[in-house]
Amino acid sequence: MSINKYISTLPDTKRTLDDSVNYSYTSGLFVTKKQFSFSDVLDIKDVEWWQELIEAGSLIPLHYIKEIEYEDEETIYKDSLQDFPIKLRNGKRGKKVKFSWTIEKHELVDQLSGTDLYVIEYDRNNNVYLVREGNYYRGMKTSLLELEKMIQATETTPAFSPLKIKYQESFTDIVNSGFMLTDIDRLFMSINIEYIDNRTLNFSAYYQSTPLNGSDILQSDITVTDSINGVLTADLFNYSNGVFQLKNFNKNLITGKMEILSTLYLGCVSYIVRVIAEPIIANFDLEDGVNLDFEDLINFEFEN
């Protein structure tokens, strides 16, 4: 039997409410820790607070969405025996947001795959889409975050990095930040491995072809994670003539990745230590007229 909700008083839509919010297309999003929230609207409108949150590792900006593929699931209804509609399950929100990233940034963001962190979306007019709980504001809960394989470019389509998101809820409040949310970002650096062996890793780093120096990257900004030996630490850290050096690791470098998360820059690079085996040369003294017989009747004759 279907039970319909009874309302004795209709809600007042209040003609004085401001319905003139200038909504626009979704432009980007922030992935946040699950325990993170804004204390009030003033925090959301404070550009310096957002930057501090990035430096503290509370949220990660993913700007400039190129395309969105919606994967919403419809609400499921069923007719009762009395031919009344019954809602069996609420619909689910889902989307695949596509970015155009370098391979290095794709690998960096792939670390989010398999998590259920919260997501804050924003649009081109800097409206922030949030869930309100009392006086606090947070991101929307998710049941899935998965960065799929990079899509190879075609003549008409760029190389996309598709991030699949399944939401457990929808936004309940929208706040305009009052500033450009794309300004809230770390700059993505490119990293070149200059030299590597089991105990030493030398690298250079660039932002838009401009080399970074010793004041841009500190040893505390660098994390080296070896797939065989785990997280490694180096006894020495030096910078000279455009090259950073990590030396005397507590365990051997074999294969893994180095991540850099500084105040302004972030980057990631994979490494592998290649072992080059030296050839063993053997000399054989052969007597006069000795033939070496090989298959297929091939003879090699050696003279003095």
Protein backbone atom coordinates (compact mmCIF):
# COMPACT_ATOMS: atom_id res chain seq x y z
CA MET A 1 0.00 0.00 0.00
CA SER A 2 1.32 3.42 -0.92
CA ILE A 3 1.46 5.98 1.89
CA ASN A 4 1.40 9.59 0.73
CA LYS A 5 2.84 12.29 2.94
CA TYR A 6 0.22 14.62 4.40
CA ILE A 7 0.95 18.37 4.49
CA SER A 8 -1.45 20.60 6.39
CA THR A 9 0.33 23.85 5.45
CA LEU A 10 1.94 24.51 2.09
CA PRO A 11 5.51 25.83 2.19
CA ASP A 12 5.95 29.57 1.72
CA THR A 13 8.19 30.19 -1.28
CA LYS A 14 8.64 33.82 -0.17
CA ARG A 15 8.62 36.14 -3.11
CA THR A 16 11.36 38.13 -1.36
CA LEU A 17 13.87 35.29 -1.81
CA ASP A 18 16.69 36.10 -4.20
CA ASP A 19 16.31 33.74 -7.16
CA SER A 20 18.79 35.62 -9.35
CA VAL A 21 21.83 33.39 -8.77
CA ASN A 22 23.91 33.36 -11.95
CA TYR A 23 24.55 29.64 -12.36
CA SER A 24 26.87 28.46 -15.10
CA TYR A 25 28.68 25.41 -16.48
CA THR A 26 30.73 23.26 -14.14
CA SER A 27 34.32 24.38 -14.55
CA GLY A 28 36.31 22.36 -12.03
CA LEU A 29 36.31 20.64 -8.68
CA PHE A 30 38.22 20.18 -5.45
CA VAL A 31 38.77 16.77 -3.87
CA THR A 32 38.85 17.09 -0.07
CA LYS A 33 39.59 14.95 2.94
CA LYS A 34 36.50 13.40 4.47
CA GLN A 35 36.84 15.21 7.79
CA PHE A 36 37.30 18.63 6.17
CA SER A 37 34.66 21.39 6.25
CA PHE A 38 34.42 25.18 6.09
CA SER A 39 33.40 26.80 9.37
CA ASP A 40 31.23 29.46 7.76
CA VAL A 41 30.55 31.46 4.60
CA LEU A 42 33.36 33.89 5.40
CA ASP A 43 35.91 31.06 5.08
CA ILE A 44 34.51 30.17 1.64
CA LYS A 45 34.99 33.78 0.53
CA ASP A 46 38.58 33.99 1.85
CA VAL A 47 41.06 33.32 -0.98
CA GLU A 48 44.03 33.11 1.41
CA TRP A 49 42.26 30.45 3.47
CA TRP A 50 41.79 28.29 0.37
CA GLN A 51 45.51 28.57 -0.39
CA GLU A 52 46.37 27.58 3.17
CA LEU A 53 44.11 24.54 2.84
CA ILE A 54 46.05 23.40 -0.23
CA GLU A 55 49.35 23.81 1.58
CA ALA A 56 47.95 21.83 4.53
CA GLY A 57 46.88 19.00 2.21
CA SER A 58 43.18 19.33 3.02
CA LEU A 59 42.05 19.69 -0.60
CA ILE A 60 43.35 19.15 -4.14
CA PRO A 61 42.24 21.40 -7.02
CA LEU A 62 41.35 19.90 -10.41
CA HIS A 63 40.69 22.83 -12.72
CA TYR A 64 39.51 23.26 -16.32
CA ILE A 65 37.02 20.49 -17.06
CA LYS A 66 36.81 20.03 -20.83
CA GLU A 67 33.79 17.72 -21.09
CA ILE A 68 31.26 16.05 -18.78
CA GLU A 69 29.56 12.74 -19.50
CA TYR A 70 26.60 12.29 -17.15
CA GLU A 71 26.02 8.80 -15.76
CA ASP A 72 23.05 9.43 -13.47
CA GLU A 73 20.83 6.50 -12.50
CA GLU A 74 17.09 7.17 -12.55
CA THR A 75 14.87 6.76 -9.50
CA ILE A 76 13.16 3.35 -9.63
CA TYR A 77 9.39 3.14 -9.13
CA LYS A 78 6.96 0.22 -9.00
CA ASP A 79 3.19 -0.01 -9.03
CA SER A 80 1.60 -1.52 -5.93
CA LEU A 81 -1.15 -4.15 -6.00
CA GLN A 82 -3.60 -1.27 -5.70
CA ASP A 83 -1.97 0.33 -8.75
CA PHE A 84 -0.31 3.14 -6.79
CA PRO A 85 3.27 4.13 -7.62
CA ILE A 86 5.88 3.23 -5.00
CA LYS A 87 9.44 4.54 -4.96
CA LEU A 88 11.79 1.60 -4.54
CA ARG A 89 15.12 3.41 -4.74
CA ASN A 90 16.31 6.96 -5.11
CA GLY A 91 18.23 7.87 -8.21
CA LYS A 92 22.02 8.12 -8.06
CA ARG A 93 24.19 10.95 -9.34
CA GLY A 94 27.23 10.09 -11.37
CA LYS A 95 29.40 11.70 -13.99
CA LYS A 96 32.62 11.30 -15.88
CA VAL A 97 34.55 14.57 -15.96
CA LYS A 98 37.24 14.84 -18.60
CA PHE A 99 40.43 16.86 -18.28
CA SER A 100 43.31 17.43 -20.68
CA TRP A 101 46.44 16.62 -18.66
CA THR A 102 50.02 15.63 -19.27
CA ILE A 103 50.97 12.03 -18.55
CA GLU A 104 52.81 13.20 -15.41
CA LYS A 105 49.74 14.90 -13.97
CA HIS A 106 47.56 11.94 -14.94
CA GLU A 107 49.84 9.65 -12.93
CA LEU A 108 49.75 12.06 -9.99
CA VAL A 109 45.95 12.30 -9.86
CA ASP A 110 45.65 8.53 -10.32
CA GLN A 111 46.58 8.23 -6.65
CA LEU A 112 42.98 9.28 -5.88
CA SER A 113 41.61 6.19 -7.62
CA GLY A 114 39.79 3.77 -5.37
CA THR A 115 38.98 6.36 -2.69
CA ASP A 116 35.68 7.82 -1.47
CA LEU A 117 36.87 11.33 -0.66
CA TYR A 118 34.50 14.31 -0.81
CA VAL A 119 34.11 16.52 -3.89
CA ILE A 120 33.36 20.24 -4.11
CA GLU A 121 32.29 21.43 -7.57
CA TYR A 122 32.40 24.99 -8.86
CA ASP A 123 31.15 26.69 -12.02
CA ARG A 124 32.49 29.37 -14.35
CA ASN A 125 30.90 32.11 -12.28
CA ASN A 126 32.73 30.88 -9.16
CA ASN A 127 29.65 29.42 -7.48
CA VAL A 128 30.74 26.69 -5.05
CA TYR A 129 28.42 23.65 -4.71
CA LEU A 130 28.44 22.34 -1.12
CA VAL A 131 26.59 20.31 1.47
CA ARG A 132 25.50 22.35 4.49
CA GLU A 133 25.43 20.78 7.94
CA GLY A 134 24.38 23.37 10.52
CA ASN A 135 26.80 26.25 10.15
CA TYR A 136 29.40 24.08 8.43
CA TYR A 137 29.93 23.47 4.71
CA ARG A 138 31.62 20.44 3.17
CA GLY A 139 32.00 18.58 -0.08
CA MET A 140 29.60 15.96 -1.41
CA LYS A 141 30.14 12.37 -0.29
CA THR A 142 31.16 9.91 -2.98
CA SER A 143 31.07 6.15 -3.31
CA LEU A 144 33.62 6.06 -6.13
CA LEU A 145 36.51 8.11 -7.45
CA GLU A 146 38.33 6.41 -10.30
CA LEU A 147 40.69 7.92 -12.86
CA GLU A 148 40.34 5.84 -16.01
CA LYS A 149 43.03 5.23 -18.61
CA MET A 150 44.05 8.25 -20.63
CA ILE A 151 42.15 8.46 -23.93
CA GLN A 152 44.45 8.75 -26.92
CA ALA A 153 43.95 11.89 -28.98
CA THR A 154 42.30 11.87 -32.39
CA GLU A 155 42.01 14.48 -35.11
CA THR A 156 38.97 16.06 -33.42
CA THR A 157 39.40 15.01 -29.76
CA PRO A 158 42.26 15.82 -27.37
CA ALA A 159 43.89 13.27 -25.09
CA PHE A 160 41.39 13.16 -22.22
CA SER A 161 41.91 12.02 -18.63
CA PRO A 162 38.42 10.83 -17.52
CA LEU A 163 37.67 10.95 -13.78
CA LYS A 164 34.64 8.82 -12.87
CA ILE A 165 32.64 10.04 -9.87
CA LYS A 166 29.67 8.41 -8.13
CA TYR A 167 27.93 10.63 -5.58
CA GLN A 168 26.11 9.47 -2.48
CA GLU A 169 24.26 12.77 -2.17
CA SER A 170 23.58 16.06 -3.93
CA PHE A 171 24.62 19.58 -2.99
CA THR A 172 22.33 21.45 -0.62
CA ASP A 173 23.81 24.95 -0.77
CA ILE A 174 25.62 27.22 -3.22
CA VAL A 175 27.96 30.02 -2.19
CA ASN A 176 29.67 32.45 -4.53
CA SER A 177 33.34 32.70 -3.57
CA GLY A 178 33.77 36.23 -4.91
CA PHE A 179 37.12 35.39 -6.52
CA MET A 180 38.49 33.23 -9.36
CA LEU A 181 38.70 29.69 -8.03
CA THR A 182 41.19 28.80 -10.76
CA ASP A 183 43.67 30.99 -8.88
CA ILE A 184 43.62 28.41 -6.08
CA ASP A 185 46.21 26.01 -7.37
CA ARG A 186 49.68 24.64 -7.18
CA LEU A 187 51.70 24.95 -10.35
CA PHE A 188 52.48 21.66 -12.07
CA MET A 189 56.19 21.14 -12.66
CA SER A 190 57.96 18.80 -15.05
CA ILE A 191 60.75 16.66 -13.60
CA ASN A 192 63.74 15.14 -15.40
CA ILE A 193 65.83 12.36 -13.88
CA GLU A 194 69.43 13.39 -14.61
CA TYR A 195 71.18 10.44 -12.94
CA ILE A 196 70.14 7.50 -10.80
CA ASP A 197 71.73 4.49 -9.15
CA ASN A 198 70.84 2.41 -6.09
CA ARG A 199 71.80 5.15 -3.60
CA THR A 200 71.64 8.42 -5.58
CA LEU A 201 68.91 10.30 -7.45
CA ASN A 202 69.71 13.53 -9.31
CA PHE A 203 66.91 15.50 -10.96
CA SER A 204 66.04 18.86 -12.46
CA ALA A 205 62.62 20.54 -12.32
CA TYR A 206 60.92 23.10 -14.57
CA TYR A 207 57.78 25.17 -14.69
CA GLN A 208 56.91 26.11 -18.29
CA SER A 209 60.58 25.61 -19.32
CA THR A 210 61.82 27.86 -16.46
CA PRO A 211 64.17 25.92 -14.17
CA LEU A 212 63.32 25.79 -10.46
CA ASN A 213 66.03 26.45 -7.90
CA GLY A 214 66.94 25.47 -4.38
CA SER A 215 64.48 27.89 -2.78
CA ASP A 216 61.54 26.37 -4.70
CA ILE A 217 61.95 22.77 -3.50
CA LEU A 218 62.93 21.60 -0.01
CA GLN A 219 63.86 18.07 1.02
CA SER A 220 60.69 17.92 3.13
CA ASP A 221 58.66 18.51 -0.06
CA ILE A 222 59.96 15.28 -1.64
CA THR A 223 58.59 11.77 -1.13
CA VAL A 224 60.35 8.79 -2.73
CA THR A 225 58.29 5.59 -2.71
CA ASP A 226 60.00 2.48 -4.02
CA SER A 227 57.73 -0.37 -5.12
CA ILE A 228 60.17 -2.87 -3.58
CA ASN A 229 61.58 -1.11 -0.50
CA GLY A 230 58.76 1.29 0.42
CA VAL A 231 59.20 4.94 1.40
CA LEU A 232 62.88 5.89 1.33
CA THR A 233 64.80 8.68 3.07
CA ALA A 234 68.07 10.26 1.96
CA ASP A 235 70.86 11.44 4.26
CA LEU A 236 72.02 14.18 1.88
CA PHE A 237 70.13 16.76 -0.14
CA ASN A 238 71.98 19.26 -2.33
CA TYR A 239 71.25 21.76 -5.09
CA SER A 240 73.86 22.99 -7.53
CA ASN A 241 73.75 24.43 -11.07
CA GLY A 242 70.14 23.49 -11.72
CA VAL A 243 70.39 19.93 -10.37
CA PHE A 244 68.89 18.61 -7.13
CA GLN A 245 70.60 15.61 -5.54
CA LEU A 246 69.27 13.05 -3.07
CA LYS A 247 72.02 10.75 -1.84
CA ASN A 248 72.68 7.89 0.60
CA PHE A 249 69.17 6.44 0.84
CA ASN A 250 68.40 4.17 3.78
CA LYS A 251 67.48 1.40 1.31
CA ASN A 252 68.23 0.78 -2.34
CA LEU A 253 66.38 2.52 -5.14
CA ILE A 254 65.01 -0.08 -7.54
CA THR A 255 61.79 1.12 -9.17
CA GLY A 256 59.09 3.51 -8.00
CA LYS A 257 58.11 7.16 -8.05
CA MET A 258 59.21 10.49 -6.65
CA GLU A 259 56.54 13.04 -5.70
CA ILE A 260 57.12 16.70 -4.95
CA LEU A 261 54.57 18.83 -3.11
CA SER A 262 55.98 22.26 -2.29
CA THR A 263 54.27 25.48 -1.27
CA LEU A 264 53.73 26.49 -4.90
CA TYR A 265 54.61 23.50 -7.11
CA LEU A 266 53.72 19.85 -7.45
CA GLY A 267 55.04 17.08 -9.65
CA CYS A 268 55.57 13.34 -9.97
CA VAL A 269 58.01 11.18 -11.90
CA SER A 270 58.61 7.45 -12.15
CA TYR A 271 62.09 5.95 -11.95
CA ILE A 272 63.79 2.64 -12.55
CA VAL A 273 67.40 1.75 -11.81
CA ARG A 274 68.77 -0.13 -14.77
CA VAL A 275 71.48 -2.69 -14.02
CA ILE A 276 73.95 -2.99 -16.87
CA ALA A 277 75.78 -6.31 -16.84
CA GLU A 278 79.39 -6.10 -18.02
CA PRO A 279 80.22 -8.66 -20.71
CA ILE A 280 82.62 -11.44 -19.80
CA ILE A 281 85.37 -11.78 -22.40
CA ALA A 282 87.08 -15.14 -22.68
CA ASN A 283 90.16 -15.83 -24.79
CA PHE A 284 90.67 -19.24 -26.32
CA ASP A 285 94.04 -20.33 -27.72
CA LEU A 286 93.42 -22.49 -30.73
CA GLU A 287 96.04 -24.68 -32.37
CA ASP A 288 96.94 -24.37 -36.02
CA GLY A 289 94.32 -25.64 -38.38
CA VAL A 290 91.60 -26.09 -35.75
CA ASN A 291 88.08 -25.99 -37.13
CA LEU A 292 85.03 -25.12 -35.01
CA ASP A 293 82.04 -27.11 -36.21
CA PHE A 294 78.61 -25.48 -35.85
CA GLU A 295 75.22 -26.64 -36.99
CA ASP A 296 74.17 -26.22 -40.58
CA LEU A 297 77.69 -27.28 -41.65
CA ILE A 298 79.22 -23.84 -40.91
CA ASN A 299 82.98 -24.00 -40.32
CA PHE A 300 85.16 -21.17 -38.98
CA GLU A 301 88.89 -21.57 -39.68
CA PHE A 302 91.39 -19.66 -37.57
CA GLU A 303 94.98 -18.96 -38.55
CA ASN A 304 97.95 -18.02 -36.41
